Amino acid sequence: MTDQQQQIVRVGQIVPDFEMEAFDPTKGDFTKVSTATLKKAGKWTVLCFYPADYTFVCPTELSDLADQHADLASAGAEVISVSTEPKFVHLAWQREEKHLKNVKYLMAADPTGKVSRLFGVYDEASGLALRGTFLISPEGKLACSEVNFYNVGRNAAELLRKVQANAYLAQH
């Protein structure tokens, strides 16, 4: 199956294995993130796809996510932002953009668009990802999905509510 024929994961389905390189702002270094590692950690995973670094909506949106990061972690969630930019651009952007100074979550790189295609947010015409937010259960099942066009950002407080609600329902 080619990338073009790749299935898109839907809510309620197990997320197929993937791996991406990432910039880790807490260590100032690069790492890898994979479904295998995420499942092993037993946490909820929040994937936040965005179009590109150095754009006008993205830094404020990712800053808002950084403001909610501690509460998301307390709810048992690992936050990972994803764009089709290389990991080196994430490093430079996080260091240069004042809005991103508090970002502590991984910034994953999907330069081939493989993972963006898996979640149905890859725009073939531009090579960018739409603003997609996906919540994956500790068992690897896609629990929640939201996709916005390029110019509409997310509400991180609402994302926190969704994580807390899903975690509560899973426990009860």
C-alpha atoms as a PDB file:
ATOM      1  CA  MET A   1       0.000   0.000   0.000  1.00  0.00           C
ATOM      2  CA  THR A   2       1.464   3.365  -0.987  1.00  0.00           C
ATOM      3  CA  ASP A   3       1.199   6.490   1.144  1.00  0.00           C
ATOM      4  CA  GLN A   4      -1.515   7.752  -1.194  1.00  0.00           C
ATOM      5  CA  GLN A   5      -3.593   4.617  -0.513  1.00  0.00           C
ATOM      6  CA  GLN A   6      -2.967   4.649   3.238  1.00  0.00           C
ATOM      7  CA  GLN A   7      -6.065   4.266   5.377  1.00  0.00           C
ATOM      8  CA  ILE A   8      -7.165   7.156   7.563  1.00  0.00           C
ATOM      9  CA  VAL A   9      -7.672   6.214  11.205  1.00  0.00           C
ATOM     10  CA  ARG A  10     -11.181   6.935  12.506  1.00  0.00           C
ATOM     11  CA  VAL A  11     -12.563   7.492  15.996  1.00  0.00           C
ATOM     12  CA  GLY A  12     -12.921   4.143  17.750  1.00  0.00           C
ATOM     13  CA  GLN A  13     -10.135   2.478  15.761  1.00  0.00           C
ATOM     14  CA  ILE A  14      -6.696   1.454  16.980  1.00  0.00           C
ATOM     15  CA  VAL A  15      -4.074   3.908  15.726  1.00  0.00           C
ATOM     16  CA  PRO A  16      -1.560   2.114  13.486  1.00  0.00           C
ATOM     17  CA  ASP A  17       2.094   2.226  14.478  1.00  0.00           C
ATOM     18  CA  PHE A  18       4.037   5.341  13.546  1.00  0.00           C
ATOM     19  CA  GLU A  19       7.288   7.012  14.526  1.00  0.00           C
ATOM     20  CA  MET A  20       8.435  10.616  14.144  1.00  0.00           C
ATOM     21  CA  GLU A  21      11.525  12.589  15.039  1.00  0.00           C
ATOM     22  CA  ALA A  22      10.873  15.430  17.469  1.00  0.00           C
ATOM     23  CA  PHE A  23      12.452  18.390  19.180  1.00  0.00           C
ATOM     24  CA  ASP A  24      12.258  18.201  22.982  1.00  0.00           C
ATOM     25  CA  PRO A  25      12.319  21.764  24.393  1.00  0.00           C
ATOM     26  CA  THR A  26      12.902  20.547  27.962  1.00  0.00           C
ATOM     27  CA  LYS A  27      16.162  18.876  26.949  1.00  0.00           C
ATOM     28  CA  GLY A  28      17.028  21.176  24.055  1.00  0.00           C
ATOM     29  CA  ASP A  29      17.696  18.073  21.989  1.00  0.00           C
ATOM     30  CA  PHE A  30      16.106  15.701  19.516  1.00  0.00           C
ATOM     31  CA  THR A  31      14.278  12.475  20.248  1.00  0.00           C
ATOM     32  CA  LYS A  32      11.804  10.111  18.634  1.00  0.00           C
ATOM     33  CA  VAL A  33       8.165   9.583  19.437  1.00  0.00           C
ATOM     34  CA  SER A  34       6.290   6.415  18.499  1.00  0.00           C
ATOM     35  CA  THR A  35       2.999   4.700  19.191  1.00  0.00           C
ATOM     36  CA  ALA A  36       4.909   1.850  20.853  1.00  0.00           C
ATOM     37  CA  THR A  37       6.549   4.234  23.340  1.00  0.00           C
ATOM     38  CA  LEU A  38       3.285   6.077  23.969  1.00  0.00           C
ATOM     39  CA  LYS A  39       1.381   2.842  24.672  1.00  0.00           C
ATOM     40  CA  LYS A  40       4.157   1.646  26.965  1.00  0.00           C
ATOM     41  CA  ALA A  41       3.880   4.886  28.983  1.00  0.00           C
ATOM     42  CA  GLY A  42       0.172   4.158  29.546  1.00  0.00           C
ATOM     43  CA  LYS A  43      -0.861   7.772  29.028  1.00  0.00           C
ATOM     44  CA  TRP A  44      -3.412   9.516  26.890  1.00  0.00           C
ATOM     45  CA  THR A  45      -1.801  11.124  23.850  1.00  0.00           C
ATOM     46  CA  VAL A  46      -2.817  14.490  22.441  1.00  0.00           C
ATOM     47  CA  LEU A  47      -1.586  15.090  18.878  1.00  0.00           C
ATOM     48  CA  CYS A  48      -1.964  18.698  17.720  1.00  0.00           C
ATOM     49  CA  PHE A  49      -1.217  19.101  14.026  1.00  0.00           C
ATOM     50  CA  TYR A  50      -0.617  22.617  12.710  1.00  0.00           C
ATOM     51  CA  PRO A  51       0.365  23.960   9.265  1.00  0.00           C
ATOM     52  CA  ALA A  52       3.854  25.400   9.733  1.00  0.00           C
ATOM     53  CA  ASP A  53       6.305  27.089  12.033  1.00  0.00           C
ATOM     54  CA  TYR A  54       6.766  30.857  11.621  1.00  0.00           C
ATOM     55  CA  THR A  55       3.107  31.493  10.795  1.00  0.00           C
ATOM     56  CA  PHE A  56       0.759  33.993  12.437  1.00  0.00           C
ATOM     57  CA  VAL A  57      -1.796  31.739  14.219  1.00  0.00           C
ATOM     58  CA  CYS A  58       0.462  28.868  15.266  1.00  0.00           C
ATOM     59  CA  PRO A  59       2.612  30.511  17.976  1.00  0.00           C
ATOM     60  CA  THR A  60      -0.352  31.879  19.928  1.00  0.00           C
ATOM     61  CA  GLU A  61      -2.182  28.589  19.606  1.00  0.00           C
ATOM     62  CA  LEU A  62       0.823  26.554  20.761  1.00  0.00           C
ATOM     63  CA  SER A  63       1.414  29.065  23.576  1.00  0.00           C
ATOM     64  CA  ASP A  64      -2.185  28.512  24.725  1.00  0.00           C
ATOM     65  CA  LEU A  65      -1.510  24.775  24.646  1.00  0.00           C
ATOM     66  CA  ALA A  66       1.659  25.337  26.713  1.00  0.00           C
ATOM     67  CA  ASP A  67      -0.426  27.216  29.298  1.00  0.00           C
ATOM     68  CA  GLN A  68      -2.650  24.120  29.670  1.00  0.00           C
ATOM     69  CA  HIS A  69       0.238  21.636  29.478  1.00  0.00           C
ATOM     70  CA  ALA A  70       0.621  21.079  33.244  1.00  0.00           C
ATOM     71  CA  ASP A  71      -3.118  20.416  33.635  1.00  0.00           C
ATOM     72  CA  LEU A  72      -3.103  18.088  30.629  1.00  0.00           C
ATOM     73  CA  ALA A  73      -0.161  16.196  32.138  1.00  0.00           C
ATOM     74  CA  SER A  74      -2.011  16.000  35.480  1.00  0.00           C
ATOM     75  CA  ALA A  75      -4.945  14.468  33.606  1.00  0.00           C
ATOM     76  CA  GLY A  76      -2.558  11.772  32.335  1.00  0.00           C
ATOM     77  CA  ALA A  77      -1.926  13.124  28.848  1.00  0.00           C
ATOM     78  CA  GLU A  78       1.247  13.434  26.790  1.00  0.00           C
ATOM     79  CA  VAL A  79       1.049  16.433  24.427  1.00  0.00           C
ATOM     80  CA  ILE A  80       2.804  16.399  21.056  1.00  0.00           C
ATOM     81  CA  SER A  81       2.549  19.121  18.438  1.00  0.00           C
ATOM     82  CA  VAL A  82       3.107  18.029  14.834  1.00  0.00           C
ATOM     83  CA  SER A  83       3.811  19.836  11.589  1.00  0.00           C
ATOM     84  CA  THR A  84       5.419  18.883   8.309  1.00  0.00           C
ATOM     85  CA  GLU A  85       8.449  21.047   9.149  1.00  0.00           C
ATOM     86  CA  PRO A  86      11.780  19.294   9.901  1.00  0.00           C
ATOM     87  CA  LYS A  87      12.828  18.948  13.562  1.00  0.00           C
ATOM     88  CA  PHE A  88      15.566  21.571  13.070  1.00  0.00           C
ATOM     89  CA  VAL A  89      12.978  24.222  12.202  1.00  0.00           C
ATOM     90  CA  HIS A  90      11.070  23.376  15.417  1.00  0.00           C
ATOM     91  CA  LEU A  91      14.265  23.922  17.416  1.00  0.00           C
ATOM     92  CA  ALA A  92      14.943  27.314  15.805  1.00  0.00           C
ATOM     93  CA  TRP A  93      11.319  28.451  16.050  1.00  0.00           C
ATOM     94  CA  GLN A  94      10.947  27.513  19.725  1.00  0.00           C
ATOM     95  CA  ARG A  95      14.180  29.378  20.546  1.00  0.00           C
ATOM     96  CA  GLU A  96      13.295  32.500  18.516  1.00  0.00           C
ATOM     97  CA  GLU A  97       9.538  32.904  19.001  1.00  0.00           C
ATOM     98  CA  LYS A  98       8.685  34.602  22.323  1.00  0.00           C
ATOM     99  CA  HIS A  99       5.224  33.000  22.421  1.00  0.00           C
ATOM    100  CA  LEU A 100       6.863  29.556  22.544  1.00  0.00           C
ATOM    101  CA  LYS A 101       9.199  30.152  25.503  1.00  0.00           C
ATOM    102  CA  ASN A 102       6.970  28.057  27.814  1.00  0.00           C
ATOM    103  CA  VAL A 103       6.504  25.149  25.402  1.00  0.00           C
ATOM    104  CA  LYS A 104       7.675  21.990  27.187  1.00  0.00           C
ATOM    105  CA  TYR A 105       5.924  19.342  25.085  1.00  0.00           C
ATOM    106  CA  LEU A 106       7.498  17.503  22.160  1.00  0.00           C
ATOM    107  CA  MET A 107       7.396  19.185  18.754  1.00  0.00           C
ATOM    108  CA  ALA A 108       7.267  16.344  16.231  1.00  0.00           C
ATOM    109  CA  ALA A 109       8.383  16.495  12.614  1.00  0.00           C
ATOM    110  CA  ASP A 110       6.391  14.859   9.825  1.00  0.00           C
ATOM    111  CA  PRO A 111       8.244  16.125   6.707  1.00  0.00           C
ATOM    112  CA  THR A 112       6.948  13.308   4.481  1.00  0.00           C
ATOM    113  CA  GLY A 113       3.357  13.844   5.623  1.00  0.00           C
ATOM    114  CA  LYS A 114       2.969  10.137   6.412  1.00  0.00           C
ATOM    115  CA  VAL A 115       1.499  10.643   9.894  1.00  0.00           C
ATOM    116  CA  SER A 116      -0.540  13.658   8.742  1.00  0.00           C
ATOM    117  CA  ARG A 117      -2.064  11.454   6.041  1.00  0.00           C
ATOM    118  CA  LEU A 118      -2.810   8.738   8.604  1.00  0.00           C
ATOM    119  CA  PHE A 119      -4.984  11.224  10.509  1.00  0.00           C
ATOM    120  CA  GLY A 120      -6.507  12.756   7.353  1.00  0.00           C
ATOM    121  CA  VAL A 121      -5.069  16.256   7.824  1.00  0.00           C
ATOM    122  CA  TYR A 122      -2.453  16.334   5.066  1.00  0.00           C
ATOM    123  CA  ASP A 123      -3.133  18.866   2.310  1.00  0.00           C
ATOM    124  CA  GLU A 124      -1.561  17.413  -0.839  1.00  0.00           C
ATOM    125  CA  ALA A 125      -1.697  20.772  -2.645  1.00  0.00           C
ATOM    126  CA  SER A 126       0.348  22.673  -0.060  1.00  0.00           C
ATOM    127  CA  GLY A 127       2.299  19.901   1.671  1.00  0.00           C
ATOM    128  CA  LEU A 128       1.040  21.249   5.003  1.00  0.00           C
ATOM    129  CA  ALA A 129      -1.135  19.772   7.727  1.00  0.00           C
ATOM    130  CA  LEU A 130      -4.512  21.216   8.644  1.00  0.00           C
ATOM    131  CA  ARG A 131      -5.156  22.031  12.312  1.00  0.00           C
ATOM    132  CA  GLY A 132      -6.101  18.617  13.619  1.00  0.00           C
ATOM    133  CA  THR A 133      -6.390  17.570  17.245  1.00  0.00           C
ATOM    134  CA  PHE A 134      -6.502  13.884  18.121  1.00  0.00           C
ATOM    135  CA  LEU A 135      -6.836  12.179  21.485  1.00  0.00           C
ATOM    136  CA  ILE A 136      -5.509   8.625  21.689  1.00  0.00           C
ATOM    137  CA  SER A 137      -6.290   6.359  24.648  1.00  0.00           C
ATOM    138  CA  PRO A 138      -3.536   4.605  26.615  1.00  0.00           C
ATOM    139  CA  GLU A 139      -4.499   1.424  24.730  1.00  0.00           C
ATOM    140  CA  GLY A 140      -3.925   3.137  21.389  1.00  0.00           C
ATOM    141  CA  LYS A 141      -7.541   3.746  20.331  1.00  0.00           C
ATOM    142  CA  LEU A 142      -8.497   7.059  18.731  1.00  0.00           C
ATOM    143  CA  ALA A 143     -10.990   8.566  21.187  1.00  0.00           C
ATOM    144  CA  CYS A 144     -11.509  12.069  19.818  1.00  0.00           C
ATOM    145  CA  SER A 145     -10.891  13.922  16.571  1.00  0.00           C
ATOM    146  CA  GLU A 146     -11.260  17.561  15.525  1.00  0.00           C
ATOM    147  CA  VAL A 147     -10.023  19.199  12.317  1.00  0.00           C
ATOM    148  CA  ASN A 148     -10.019  22.921  11.520  1.00  0.00           C
ATOM    149  CA  PHE A 149      -8.901  24.723   8.382  1.00  0.00           C
ATOM    150  CA  TYR A 150      -5.651  26.710   8.391  1.00  0.00           C
ATOM    151  CA  ASN A 151      -6.912  29.990   9.798  1.00  0.00           C
ATOM    152  CA  VAL A 152      -8.935  28.795  12.832  1.00  0.00           C
ATOM    153  CA  GLY A 153      -7.035  27.900  15.982  1.00  0.00           C
ATOM    154  CA  ARG A 154      -7.987  25.566  18.816  1.00  0.00           C
ATOM    155  CA  ASN A 155      -9.128  26.194  22.353  1.00  0.00           C
ATOM    156  CA  ALA A 156      -6.726  24.445  24.738  1.00  0.00           C
ATOM    157  CA  ALA A 157      -9.149  24.760  27.667  1.00  0.00           C
ATOM    158  CA  GLU A 158     -11.724  22.789  25.668  1.00  0.00           C
ATOM    159  CA  LEU A 159      -9.046  20.234  24.825  1.00  0.00           C
ATOM    160  CA  LEU A 160      -8.313  19.851  28.547  1.00  0.00           C
ATOM    161  CA  ARG A 161     -12.032  19.283  29.191  1.00  0.00           C
ATOM    162  CA  LYS A 162     -12.098  16.543  26.549  1.00  0.00           C
ATOM    163  CA  VAL A 163      -9.022  14.823  27.999  1.00  0.00           C
ATOM    164  CA  GLN A 164     -10.435  14.957  31.533  1.00  0.00           C
ATOM    165  CA  ALA A 165     -13.846  13.678  30.389  1.00  0.00           C
ATOM    166  CA  ASN A 166     -12.367  10.788  28.407  1.00  0.00           C
ATOM    167  CA  ALA A 167     -10.001   9.837  31.242  1.00  0.00           C
ATOM    168  CA  TYR A 168     -12.872   9.939  33.743  1.00  0.00           C
ATOM    169  CA  LEU A 169     -15.103   7.778  31.552  1.00  0.00           C
ATOM    170  CA  ALA A 170     -12.297   5.276  31.010  1.00  0.00           C
ATOM    171  CA  GLN A 171     -11.833   4.922  34.781  1.00  0.00           C
ATOM    172  CA  HIS A 172     -15.542   4.656  35.555  1.00  0.00           C
END
